[in-house]
Amino acid sequence: MRKNPLFGAAVVKAVLRKRDGVTASSALYEGILRDLGVTDDQVEAYLSAHADEVEQALRSHGRRGD
């Protein structure tokens, strides 16, 4: 099963927002959007609708020590 590209982009954006000095409009984020074929507006809408899911993914990622 293929992962949801909006979920992946939303997680990346949430991580970038939490890091000091890195904006969600960074070249890295823009490249990821292009690769996934989604827009920032789509990611924002997804984040609004699925904030808890994205936050849970961030928390579980950190527990693995990554």
Protein backbone atom coordinates (compact mmCIF):
# COMPACT_ATOMS: atom_id res chain seq x y z
CA MET A 1 0.00 0.00 0.00
CA ARG A 2 1.32 3.43 -0.95
CA LYS A 3 1.66 6.06 1.77
CA ASN A 4 -0.40 9.23 1.57
CA PRO A 5 1.86 11.94 0.09
CA LEU A 6 -0.07 14.65 1.94
CA PHE A 7 0.58 12.91 5.25
CA GLY A 8 4.29 12.70 4.47
CA ALA A 9 4.50 16.34 3.46
CA ALA A 10 2.50 17.37 6.54
CA VAL A 11 4.92 15.52 8.82
CA VAL A 12 7.90 17.18 7.12
CA LYS A 13 6.29 20.61 7.47
CA ALA A 14 5.50 20.01 11.15
CA VAL A 15 9.10 18.95 11.82
CA LEU A 16 10.47 22.01 10.00
CA ARG A 17 8.14 24.29 11.99
CA LYS A 18 9.48 22.88 15.26
CA ARG A 19 13.13 23.44 14.35
CA ASP A 20 14.68 26.80 15.06
CA GLY A 21 15.73 28.77 12.02
CA VAL A 22 14.12 26.48 9.45
CA THR A 23 10.96 27.67 7.76
CA ALA A 24 8.36 25.53 6.10
CA SER A 25 9.12 27.36 2.86
CA SER A 26 12.70 26.09 2.78
CA ALA A 27 14.22 24.66 -0.38
CA LEU A 28 14.04 21.19 1.17
CA TYR A 29 10.30 21.45 1.77
CA GLU A 30 9.66 22.91 -1.68
CA GLY A 31 11.57 20.02 -3.25
CA ILE A 32 9.56 17.49 -1.26
CA LEU A 33 6.31 19.10 -2.42
CA ARG A 34 7.46 18.85 -6.04
CA ASP A 35 8.53 15.21 -5.62
CA LEU A 36 5.21 14.28 -4.02
CA GLY A 37 3.13 16.29 -6.48
CA VAL A 38 1.28 18.27 -3.80
CA THR A 39 0.98 21.98 -2.97
CA ASP A 40 1.57 23.82 0.28
CA ASP A 41 -2.13 24.75 0.35
CA GLN A 42 -3.04 21.06 0.18
CA VAL A 43 -0.58 20.30 2.99
CA GLU A 44 -2.01 23.10 5.15
CA ALA A 45 -5.55 21.77 4.62
CA TYR A 46 -4.38 18.26 5.49
CA LEU A 47 -2.60 19.52 8.61
CA SER A 48 -5.75 21.33 9.73
CA ALA A 49 -7.86 18.21 9.30
CA HIS A 50 -5.32 15.70 10.64
CA ALA A 51 -3.26 17.61 13.22
CA ASP A 52 -3.58 14.89 15.88
CA GLU A 53 -2.51 12.16 13.46
CA VAL A 54 0.56 14.15 12.36
CA GLU A 55 1.49 14.98 15.96
CA GLN A 56 1.20 11.31 16.91
CA ALA A 57 3.54 10.37 14.05
CA LEU A 58 6.07 12.92 15.26
CA ARG A 59 5.91 11.59 18.82
CA SER A 60 6.26 7.95 17.79
CA HIS A 61 9.16 8.80 15.48
CA GLY A 62 11.02 10.40 18.38
CA ARG A 63 10.50 7.38 20.63
CA ARG A 64 12.39 5.18 18.20
CA GLY A 65 15.44 7.35 18.76
CA ASP A 66 15.60 8.64 15.19
